[in-house]
Amino acid sequence: RAPRRVADSARRPCPWTPSSSRFGAMRALLLALFAGVAGGYELRARLAGDAFLDAFDFIQGDDSQATHGYVLYQSRADAEAMGLAGVDDGNVFLSAGRPSSPGARVPSVRIEGAMSLTGGVLVLDLLRMPVGCATWPAYWLCNQTDPAGSPSWPAGGEIDVLEGVHLQASNAQTLHTLPGCVQDGGGNFTGETVTTDCASGTGCGIWGGPYGADLNAAGGGVLVTEWDPAGATGRQFIRSWFLPRGSDLAIQATSNSSLSQLDSWPAPNSYF
């Protein structure tokens, strides 16, 4: 897939070489999953430490079938042995390493959830993320098949919650769908609509919330995504918030065993 619109800060020359130091790791405290119930949402899973890693499959091999990055994804055992994945002081970390030789692919980590979702609220408590030229860290949901059950992208659908490239400073939140879905800018949200055709190669995108160095400088934060495909609230929508660490809503989202309807929250960064 082609990267989303590239921010001005991402267009600056990138003096990356294979001998450069690591870009830093994706570090997370927890991932929480809430399912819809009458009047709100109820906690179904709170994943932290080794339980976080146990809930994902480590994809192995090159990236020729996905985003075509010049990387070589490692198994969990190899990633842990190389110091690219693990748990440190209670924090899950995922990282890229250094090529073994000039021209070799960069060892990296890609994980896919072992469970499937059909809606609800997802909460990611993120401490920091990789930053630098040649990086493309992302957190997203993707259906591996189209509505008929055949392997297909983007017909199966994709929700990009956190994504960007290089030195990008603003988070690109994007949908990929079958033809006929358009983001018209409707709804109350704080981000900037940059593309509207959700079936195009770049999808329909809304930029908003910190990313990269700005997110790290803020001490990370809590990403909350509400996905209501069945219209349980009378609407069908996807919306996401970035909550500053230590804020009342961030504490509520990461600590509570239930969440009420989120309509009383401030406007989200994105609304589809």
C-alpha atoms as a PDB file:
ATOM      1  CA  ARG A   1       0.000   0.000   0.000  1.00  0.00           C
ATOM      2  CA  ALA A   2       1.134   3.543  -0.620  1.00  0.00           C
ATOM      3  CA  PRO A   3       1.692   5.655   2.490  1.00  0.00           C
ATOM      4  CA  ARG A   4      -1.060   8.096   3.371  1.00  0.00           C
ATOM      5  CA  ARG A   5      -0.557  11.769   2.669  1.00  0.00           C
ATOM      6  CA  VAL A   6       2.939  12.683   3.844  1.00  0.00           C
ATOM      7  CA  ALA A   7       3.198  15.611   6.230  1.00  0.00           C
ATOM      8  CA  ASP A   8       5.643  18.447   5.584  1.00  0.00           C
ATOM      9  CA  SER A   9       7.776  17.259   8.487  1.00  0.00           C
ATOM     10  CA  ALA A  10       8.015  13.830   6.833  1.00  0.00           C
ATOM     11  CA  ARG A  11       9.360  15.276   3.572  1.00  0.00           C
ATOM     12  CA  ARG A  12      12.621  16.451   5.092  1.00  0.00           C
ATOM     13  CA  PRO A  13      15.738  14.511   4.018  1.00  0.00           C
ATOM     14  CA  CYS A  14      16.215  11.378   6.075  1.00  0.00           C
ATOM     15  CA  PRO A  15      19.890  10.674   6.843  1.00  0.00           C
ATOM     16  CA  TRP A  16      19.291   7.025   7.755  1.00  0.00           C
ATOM     17  CA  THR A  17      22.003   4.405   7.254  1.00  0.00           C
ATOM     18  CA  PRO A  18      22.106   0.731   8.230  1.00  0.00           C
ATOM     19  CA  SER A  19      24.587   1.609  10.974  1.00  0.00           C
ATOM     20  CA  SER A  20      22.297   4.144  12.610  1.00  0.00           C
ATOM     21  CA  SER A  21      21.014   3.492  16.109  1.00  0.00           C
ATOM     22  CA  ARG A  22      17.605   1.993  16.774  1.00  0.00           C
ATOM     23  CA  PHE A  23      14.557   4.144  16.270  1.00  0.00           C
ATOM     24  CA  GLY A  24      13.144   3.235  19.665  1.00  0.00           C
ATOM     25  CA  ALA A  25      10.498   0.695  20.505  1.00  0.00           C
ATOM     26  CA  MET A  26       6.749   0.695  20.567  1.00  0.00           C
ATOM     27  CA  ARG A  27       6.068   0.482  24.318  1.00  0.00           C
ATOM     28  CA  ALA A  28       2.619  -0.205  25.701  1.00  0.00           C
ATOM     29  CA  LEU A  29       1.161  -0.714  29.157  1.00  0.00           C
ATOM     30  CA  LEU A  30      -2.008  -2.508  28.122  1.00  0.00           C
ATOM     31  CA  LEU A  31      -4.650  -3.253  25.507  1.00  0.00           C
ATOM     32  CA  ALA A  32      -8.239  -3.449  26.767  1.00  0.00           C
ATOM     33  CA  LEU A  33     -11.248  -4.744  24.833  1.00  0.00           C
ATOM     34  CA  PHE A  34     -14.829  -3.790  25.723  1.00  0.00           C
ATOM     35  CA  ALA A  35     -17.950  -5.384  24.239  1.00  0.00           C
ATOM     36  CA  GLY A  36     -21.268  -3.630  23.811  1.00  0.00           C
ATOM     37  CA  VAL A  37     -23.964  -4.194  26.439  1.00  0.00           C
ATOM     38  CA  ALA A  38     -27.158  -2.353  27.290  1.00  0.00           C
ATOM     39  CA  GLY A  39     -26.288   1.225  28.129  1.00  0.00           C
ATOM     40  CA  GLY A  40     -22.591   1.013  27.360  1.00  0.00           C
ATOM     41  CA  TYR A  41     -19.634  -1.373  27.238  1.00  0.00           C
ATOM     42  CA  GLU A  42     -18.302  -4.146  29.477  1.00  0.00           C
ATOM     43  CA  LEU A  43     -14.675  -5.250  29.791  1.00  0.00           C
ATOM     44  CA  ARG A  44     -13.930  -8.507  27.971  1.00  0.00           C
ATOM     45  CA  ALA A  45     -10.121  -8.579  28.161  1.00  0.00           C
ATOM     46  CA  ARG A  46      -7.334  -6.498  29.668  1.00  0.00           C
ATOM     47  CA  LEU A  47      -3.996  -7.559  28.224  1.00  0.00           C
ATOM     48  CA  ALA A  48      -0.697  -6.552  29.795  1.00  0.00           C
ATOM     49  CA  GLY A  49       2.805  -8.011  30.069  1.00  0.00           C
ATOM     50  CA  ASP A  50       3.190 -11.563  28.754  1.00  0.00           C
ATOM     51  CA  ALA A  51      -0.601 -11.878  28.401  1.00  0.00           C
ATOM     52  CA  PHE A  52      -0.409  -9.099  25.787  1.00  0.00           C
ATOM     53  CA  LEU A  53       2.171 -11.008  23.730  1.00  0.00           C
ATOM     54  CA  ASP A  54       0.316 -14.311  24.193  1.00  0.00           C
ATOM     55  CA  ALA A  55      -2.774 -12.776  22.572  1.00  0.00           C
ATOM     56  CA  PHE A  56      -0.959 -12.171  19.274  1.00  0.00           C
ATOM     57  CA  ASP A  57       0.633 -14.248  16.523  1.00  0.00           C
ATOM     58  CA  PHE A  58       4.089 -13.174  15.353  1.00  0.00           C
ATOM     59  CA  ILE A  59       4.187 -12.990  11.550  1.00  0.00           C
ATOM     60  CA  GLN A  60       7.418 -14.309  10.006  1.00  0.00           C
ATOM     61  CA  GLY A  61       9.137 -13.542   6.710  1.00  0.00           C
ATOM     62  CA  ASP A  62       9.524 -10.549   4.461  1.00  0.00           C
ATOM     63  CA  ASP A  63       6.877  -7.901   3.851  1.00  0.00           C
ATOM     64  CA  SER A  64       6.191  -8.700   0.187  1.00  0.00           C
ATOM     65  CA  GLN A  65       2.533  -9.538   0.835  1.00  0.00           C
ATOM     66  CA  ALA A  66       1.652  -6.529   2.956  1.00  0.00           C
ATOM     67  CA  THR A  67       3.155  -3.040   3.009  1.00  0.00           C
ATOM     68  CA  HIS A  68       6.346  -3.905   1.070  1.00  0.00           C
ATOM     69  CA  GLY A  69       8.755  -2.594   3.671  1.00  0.00           C
ATOM     70  CA  TYR A  70      12.403  -3.663   3.478  1.00  0.00           C
ATOM     71  CA  VAL A  71      12.166  -5.742   6.644  1.00  0.00           C
ATOM     72  CA  LEU A  72      12.341  -9.340   7.788  1.00  0.00           C
ATOM     73  CA  TYR A  73       9.727 -10.150  10.414  1.00  0.00           C
ATOM     74  CA  GLN A  74      10.855 -12.423  13.244  1.00  0.00           C
ATOM     75  CA  SER A  75       9.156 -15.217  15.157  1.00  0.00           C
ATOM     76  CA  ARG A  76       8.427 -14.514  18.811  1.00  0.00           C
ATOM     77  CA  ALA A  77      11.343 -16.674  19.957  1.00  0.00           C
ATOM     78  CA  ASP A  78      13.784 -14.979  17.599  1.00  0.00           C
ATOM     79  CA  ALA A  79      12.420 -11.499  18.340  1.00  0.00           C
ATOM     80  CA  GLU A  80      12.819 -12.059  22.085  1.00  0.00           C
ATOM     81  CA  ALA A  81      16.321 -13.480  21.615  1.00  0.00           C
ATOM     82  CA  MET A  82      17.304 -10.437  19.527  1.00  0.00           C
ATOM     83  CA  GLY A  83      15.817  -8.007  22.037  1.00  0.00           C
ATOM     84  CA  LEU A  84      13.117  -6.861  19.585  1.00  0.00           C
ATOM     85  CA  ALA A  85      10.127  -7.953  21.675  1.00  0.00           C
ATOM     86  CA  GLY A  86       9.422  -8.707  25.293  1.00  0.00           C
ATOM     87  CA  VAL A  87       8.326  -7.263  28.604  1.00  0.00           C
ATOM     88  CA  ASP A  88      10.484  -4.748  30.464  1.00  0.00           C
ATOM     89  CA  ASP A  89       9.401  -3.401  33.871  1.00  0.00           C
ATOM     90  CA  GLY A  90       5.825  -4.370  33.025  1.00  0.00           C
ATOM     91  CA  ASN A  91       5.876  -2.647  29.628  1.00  0.00           C
ATOM     92  CA  VAL A  92       5.465  -4.579  26.387  1.00  0.00           C
ATOM     93  CA  PHE A  93       7.990  -3.475  23.772  1.00  0.00           C
ATOM     94  CA  LEU A  94       8.175  -4.154  20.031  1.00  0.00           C
ATOM     95  CA  SER A  95      11.081  -2.865  17.986  1.00  0.00           C
ATOM     96  CA  ALA A  96      13.128  -3.022  14.808  1.00  0.00           C
ATOM     97  CA  GLY A  97      16.823  -3.925  14.893  1.00  0.00           C
ATOM     98  CA  ARG A  98      19.821  -3.467  12.630  1.00  0.00           C
ATOM     99  CA  PRO A  99      20.507  -5.277   9.349  1.00  0.00           C
ATOM    100  CA  SER A 100      22.952  -8.162   9.675  1.00  0.00           C
ATOM    101  CA  SER A 101      24.973  -6.862   6.728  1.00  0.00           C
ATOM    102  CA  PRO A 102      24.853  -4.040   4.121  1.00  0.00           C
ATOM    103  CA  GLY A 103      21.784  -4.520   1.944  1.00  0.00           C
ATOM    104  CA  ALA A 104      20.141  -7.028   4.282  1.00  0.00           C
ATOM    105  CA  ARG A 105      16.563  -6.555   5.368  1.00  0.00           C
ATOM    106  CA  VAL A 106      15.923  -4.872   8.712  1.00  0.00           C
ATOM    107  CA  PRO A 107      14.797  -7.351  11.395  1.00  0.00           C
ATOM    108  CA  SER A 108      11.449  -6.229  12.750  1.00  0.00           C
ATOM    109  CA  VAL A 109       8.236  -7.357  14.415  1.00  0.00           C
ATOM    110  CA  ARG A 110       4.684  -7.636  13.095  1.00  0.00           C
ATOM    111  CA  ILE A 111       1.962  -9.117  15.279  1.00  0.00           C
ATOM    112  CA  GLU A 112      -1.638 -10.032  14.471  1.00  0.00           C
ATOM    113  CA  GLY A 113      -4.368 -10.611  17.044  1.00  0.00           C
ATOM    114  CA  ALA A 114      -5.284 -14.219  17.712  1.00  0.00           C
ATOM    115  CA  MET A 115      -8.862 -13.122  18.479  1.00  0.00           C
ATOM    116  CA  SER A 116     -11.450 -11.578  16.172  1.00  0.00           C
ATOM    117  CA  LEU A 117     -13.711  -8.619  16.921  1.00  0.00           C
ATOM    118  CA  THR A 118     -17.096  -7.547  15.626  1.00  0.00           C
ATOM    119  CA  GLY A 119     -17.280  -4.166  17.304  1.00  0.00           C
ATOM    120  CA  GLY A 120     -16.884  -2.593  20.721  1.00  0.00           C
ATOM    121  CA  VAL A 121     -14.281  -0.303  22.271  1.00  0.00           C
ATOM    122  CA  LEU A 122     -10.520  -0.855  22.084  1.00  0.00           C
ATOM    123  CA  VAL A 123      -8.166   0.947  24.460  1.00  0.00           C
ATOM    124  CA  LEU A 124      -4.406   1.076  23.889  1.00  0.00           C
ATOM    125  CA  ASP A 125      -2.259   2.636  26.594  1.00  0.00           C
ATOM    126  CA  LEU A 126       0.851   3.626  24.637  1.00  0.00           C
ATOM    127  CA  LEU A 127       3.994   4.932  26.339  1.00  0.00           C
ATOM    128  CA  ARG A 128       6.072   5.666  23.248  1.00  0.00           C
ATOM    129  CA  MET A 129       6.566   4.718  19.605  1.00  0.00           C
ATOM    130  CA  PRO A 130       9.415   4.440  17.085  1.00  0.00           C
ATOM    131  CA  VAL A 131      10.502   7.690  15.412  1.00  0.00           C
ATOM    132  CA  GLY A 132      12.741   8.333  12.441  1.00  0.00           C
ATOM    133  CA  CYS A 133      13.279   8.028   8.745  1.00  0.00           C
ATOM    134  CA  ALA A 134      12.295   4.681   7.192  1.00  0.00           C
ATOM    135  CA  THR A 135       9.887   3.889  10.039  1.00  0.00           C
ATOM    136  CA  TRP A 136       6.205   3.050   9.516  1.00  0.00           C
ATOM    137  CA  PRO A 137       4.763   2.045  12.904  1.00  0.00           C
ATOM    138  CA  ALA A 138       1.037   1.381  12.957  1.00  0.00           C
ATOM    139  CA  TYR A 139      -1.827  -0.019  15.024  1.00  0.00           C
ATOM    140  CA  TRP A 140      -4.774  -1.171  12.948  1.00  0.00           C
ATOM    141  CA  LEU A 141      -7.639  -3.622  12.525  1.00  0.00           C
ATOM    142  CA  CYS A 142      -8.055  -5.591   9.324  1.00  0.00           C
ATOM    143  CA  ASN A 143     -10.394  -8.314   8.062  1.00  0.00           C
ATOM    144  CA  GLN A 144      -8.382 -10.863   6.093  1.00  0.00           C
ATOM    145  CA  THR A 145     -11.320 -11.791   3.838  1.00  0.00           C
ATOM    146  CA  ASP A 146     -13.999  -9.976   1.870  1.00  0.00           C
ATOM    147  CA  PRO A 147     -17.741 -10.374   2.609  1.00  0.00           C
ATOM    148  CA  ALA A 148     -17.802 -13.563   0.500  1.00  0.00           C
ATOM    149  CA  GLY A 149     -15.010 -15.136   2.557  1.00  0.00           C
ATOM    150  CA  SER A 150     -12.258 -14.777  -0.059  1.00  0.00           C
ATOM    151  CA  PRO A 151      -8.873 -13.249   0.825  1.00  0.00           C
ATOM    152  CA  SER A 152      -9.071  -9.654  -0.251  1.00  0.00           C
ATOM    153  CA  TRP A 153      -7.833  -6.161   0.538  1.00  0.00           C
ATOM    154  CA  PRO A 154      -9.353  -3.622   0.876  1.00  0.00           C
ATOM    155  CA  ALA A 155     -12.732  -5.312   0.376  1.00  0.00           C
ATOM    156  CA  GLY A 156     -12.463  -6.956   3.786  1.00  0.00           C
ATOM    157  CA  GLY A 157     -12.131  -3.575   5.445  1.00  0.00           C
ATOM    158  CA  GLU A 158      -9.406  -1.926   7.517  1.00  0.00           C
ATOM    159  CA  ILE A 159      -9.401   0.581  10.380  1.00  0.00           C
ATOM    160  CA  ASP A 160      -6.112   2.418  10.905  1.00  0.00           C
ATOM    161  CA  VAL A 161      -6.064   3.850  14.429  1.00  0.00           C
ATOM    162  CA  LEU A 162      -2.425   4.974  14.597  1.00  0.00           C
ATOM    163  CA  GLU A 163      -0.252   5.265  11.508  1.00  0.00           C
ATOM    164  CA  GLY A 164       2.385   7.413   9.884  1.00  0.00           C
ATOM    165  CA  VAL A 165       5.780   7.418   8.209  1.00  0.00           C
ATOM    166  CA  HIS A 166       9.218   8.976   8.694  1.00  0.00           C
ATOM    167  CA  LEU A 167       9.117  12.197  10.763  1.00  0.00           C
ATOM    168  CA  GLN A 168       5.359  12.673  10.597  1.00  0.00           C
ATOM    169  CA  ALA A 169       3.943  14.636  13.543  1.00  0.00           C
ATOM    170  CA  SER A 170       0.181  14.133  13.095  1.00  0.00           C
ATOM    171  CA  ASN A 171      -1.614  10.786  13.310  1.00  0.00           C
ATOM    172  CA  ALA A 172      -3.258   9.487  10.117  1.00  0.00           C
ATOM    173  CA  GLN A 173      -6.514   7.645  10.908  1.00  0.00           C
ATOM    174  CA  THR A 174      -7.893   5.895   7.836  1.00  0.00           C
ATOM    175  CA  LEU A 175     -10.593   3.509   6.602  1.00  0.00           C
ATOM    176  CA  HIS A 176     -10.280   1.089   3.662  1.00  0.00           C
ATOM    177  CA  THR A 177     -13.515  -0.395   2.317  1.00  0.00           C
ATOM    178  CA  LEU A 178     -15.456  -1.697  -0.658  1.00  0.00           C
ATOM    179  CA  PRO A 179     -16.472   0.907  -3.276  1.00  0.00           C
ATOM    180  CA  GLY A 180     -19.334   3.149  -2.260  1.00  0.00           C
ATOM    181  CA  CYS A 181     -18.108   4.304   1.135  1.00  0.00           C
ATOM    182  CA  VAL A 182     -17.235   8.004   1.338  1.00  0.00           C
ATOM    183  CA  GLN A 183     -16.079  10.155   4.244  1.00  0.00           C
ATOM    184  CA  ASP A 184     -18.022  13.377   3.700  1.00  0.00           C
ATOM    185  CA  GLY A 185     -16.650  15.305   6.665  1.00  0.00           C
ATOM    186  CA  GLY A 186     -19.895  14.922   8.589  1.00  0.00           C
ATOM    187  CA  GLY A 187     -19.888  14.409  12.324  1.00  0.00           C
ATOM    188  CA  ASN A 188     -18.300  16.309  15.152  1.00  0.00           C
ATOM    189  CA  PHE A 189     -14.541  15.686  15.288  1.00  0.00           C
ATOM    190  CA  THR A 190     -11.371  17.714  15.706  1.00  0.00           C
ATOM    191  CA  GLY A 191      -9.170  16.238  12.961  1.00  0.00           C
ATOM    192  CA  GLU A 192      -8.667  17.305   9.341  1.00  0.00           C
ATOM    193  CA  THR A 193     -10.314  15.340   6.510  1.00  0.00           C
ATOM    194  CA  VAL A 194      -7.620  14.798   3.873  1.00  0.00           C
ATOM    195  CA  THR A 195      -9.066  12.071   1.620  1.00  0.00           C
ATOM    196  CA  THR A 196     -12.699  11.056   1.184  1.00  0.00           C
ATOM    197  CA  ASP A 197     -12.941   7.898  -0.985  1.00  0.00           C
ATOM    198  CA  CYS A 198     -12.592   4.941   1.374  1.00  0.00           C
ATOM    199  CA  ALA A 199     -12.153   2.487  -1.532  1.00  0.00           C
ATOM    200  CA  SER A 200      -9.179   4.300  -3.034  1.00  0.00           C
ATOM    201  CA  GLY A 201      -5.619   3.069  -2.531  1.00  0.00           C
ATOM    202  CA  THR A 202      -5.027   5.601   0.226  1.00  0.00           C
ATOM    203  CA  GLY A 203      -8.472   5.126   1.785  1.00  0.00           C
ATOM    204  CA  CYS A 204     -10.408   7.945   3.447  1.00  0.00           C
ATOM    205  CA  GLY A 205      -8.285   9.690   6.004  1.00  0.00           C
ATOM    206  CA  ILE A 206      -8.582  12.083   8.911  1.00  0.00           C
ATOM    207  CA  TRP A 207      -5.444  13.548  10.441  1.00  0.00           C
ATOM    208  CA  GLY A 208      -5.493  14.453  14.106  1.00  0.00           C
ATOM    209  CA  GLY A 209      -3.753  13.801  17.402  1.00  0.00           C
ATOM    210  CA  PRO A 210      -0.019  13.574  18.120  1.00  0.00           C
ATOM    211  CA  TYR A 211       2.260  11.071  16.424  1.00  0.00           C
ATOM    212  CA  GLY A 212       5.926  10.175  16.604  1.00  0.00           C
ATOM    213  CA  ALA A 213       8.186  12.563  18.497  1.00  0.00           C
ATOM    214  CA  ASP A 214       5.255  14.696  19.660  1.00  0.00           C
ATOM    215  CA  LEU A 215       3.476  11.669  21.115  1.00  0.00           C
ATOM    216  CA  ASN A 216       6.663  10.580  22.895  1.00  0.00           C
ATOM    217  CA  ALA A 217       7.297  14.079  24.248  1.00  0.00           C
ATOM    218  CA  ALA A 218       3.813  14.009  25.804  1.00  0.00           C
ATOM    219  CA  GLY A 219       4.639  10.777  27.632  1.00  0.00           C
ATOM    220  CA  GLY A 220       2.454   8.782  25.282  1.00  0.00           C
ATOM    221  CA  GLY A 221      -1.264   8.606  25.881  1.00  0.00           C
ATOM    222  CA  VAL A 222      -4.368   6.453  25.595  1.00  0.00           C
ATOM    223  CA  LEU A 223      -5.935   5.661  22.209  1.00  0.00           C
ATOM    224  CA  VAL A 224      -9.638   4.804  22.410  1.00  0.00           C
ATOM    225  CA  THR A 225     -11.495   3.475  19.359  1.00  0.00           C
ATOM    226  CA  GLU A 226     -15.250   2.920  19.352  1.00  0.00           C
ATOM    227  CA  TRP A 227     -16.572   0.678  16.579  1.00  0.00           C
ATOM    228  CA  ASP A 228     -20.346   0.290  16.304  1.00  0.00           C
ATOM    229  CA  PRO A 229     -21.010  -1.764  13.149  1.00  0.00           C
ATOM    230  CA  ALA A 230     -24.492  -2.895  14.212  1.00  0.00           C
ATOM    231  CA  GLY A 231     -25.832   0.519  15.045  1.00  0.00           C
ATOM    232  CA  ALA A 232     -26.488  -0.367  18.698  1.00  0.00           C
ATOM    233  CA  THR A 233     -26.837   3.339  19.465  1.00  0.00           C
ATOM    234  CA  GLY A 234     -29.030   3.980  16.432  1.00  0.00           C
ATOM    235  CA  ARG A 235     -26.007   4.920  14.297  1.00  0.00           C
ATOM    236  CA  GLN A 236     -23.224   3.039  12.546  1.00  0.00           C
ATOM    237  CA  PHE A 237     -19.859   4.675  13.088  1.00  0.00           C
ATOM    238  CA  ILE A 238     -16.179   4.439  13.990  1.00  0.00           C
ATOM    239  CA  ARG A 239     -14.534   7.157  16.062  1.00  0.00           C
ATOM    240  CA  SER A 240     -11.236   7.551  17.897  1.00  0.00           C
ATOM    241  CA  TRP A 241      -9.784   9.700  20.663  1.00  0.00           C
ATOM    242  CA  PHE A 242      -6.258  10.442  21.841  1.00  0.00           C
ATOM    243  CA  LEU A 243      -6.450  10.997  25.615  1.00  0.00           C
ATOM    244  CA  PRO A 244      -3.517  12.655  27.420  1.00  0.00           C
ATOM    245  CA  ARG A 245      -1.881  10.478  30.035  1.00  0.00           C
ATOM    246  CA  GLY A 246      -3.249  11.138  33.498  1.00  0.00           C
ATOM    247  CA  SER A 247      -6.471  12.753  32.294  1.00  0.00           C
ATOM    248  CA  ASP A 248      -9.726  11.654  33.918  1.00  0.00           C
ATOM    249  CA  LEU A 249     -10.941   9.942  30.752  1.00  0.00           C
ATOM    250  CA  ALA A 250      -7.625   8.156  30.228  1.00  0.00           C
ATOM    251  CA  ILE A 251      -7.759   6.795  33.778  1.00  0.00           C
ATOM    252  CA  GLN A 252     -11.379   5.753  33.293  1.00  0.00           C
ATOM    253  CA  ALA A 253     -10.644   3.967  30.011  1.00  0.00           C
ATOM    254  CA  THR A 254      -7.660   2.038  31.384  1.00  0.00           C
ATOM    255  CA  SER A 255      -8.972   1.251  34.867  1.00  0.00           C
ATOM    256  CA  ASN A 256     -12.733   0.701  34.725  1.00  0.00           C
ATOM    257  CA  SER A 257     -14.460  -2.632  34.111  1.00  0.00           C
ATOM    258  CA  SER A 258     -17.238  -0.891  32.197  1.00  0.00           C
ATOM    259  CA  LEU A 259     -17.755   2.244  30.119  1.00  0.00           C
ATOM    260  CA  SER A 260     -20.966   4.182  29.631  1.00  0.00           C
ATOM    261  CA  GLN A 261     -21.918   5.532  26.229  1.00  0.00           C
ATOM    262  CA  LEU A 262     -19.137   7.793  24.990  1.00  0.00           C
ATOM    263  CA  ASP A 263     -21.386  10.538  23.584  1.00  0.00           C
ATOM    264  CA  SER A 264     -20.648  12.649  26.670  1.00  0.00           C
ATOM    265  CA  TRP A 265     -16.921  12.658  25.879  1.00  0.00           C
ATOM    266  CA  PRO A 266     -15.309  15.611  24.072  1.00  0.00           C
ATOM    267  CA  ALA A 267     -15.298  15.475  20.269  1.00  0.00           C
ATOM    268  CA  PRO A 268     -13.076  12.652  18.961  1.00  0.00           C
ATOM    269  CA  ASN A 269     -10.064  13.162  16.705  1.00  0.00           C
ATOM    270  CA  SER A 270     -11.799  11.189  13.936  1.00  0.00           C
ATOM    271  CA  TYR A 271     -15.348  10.151  13.090  1.00  0.00           C
ATOM    272  CA  PHE A 272     -16.330   7.869  10.193  1.00  0.00           C
END
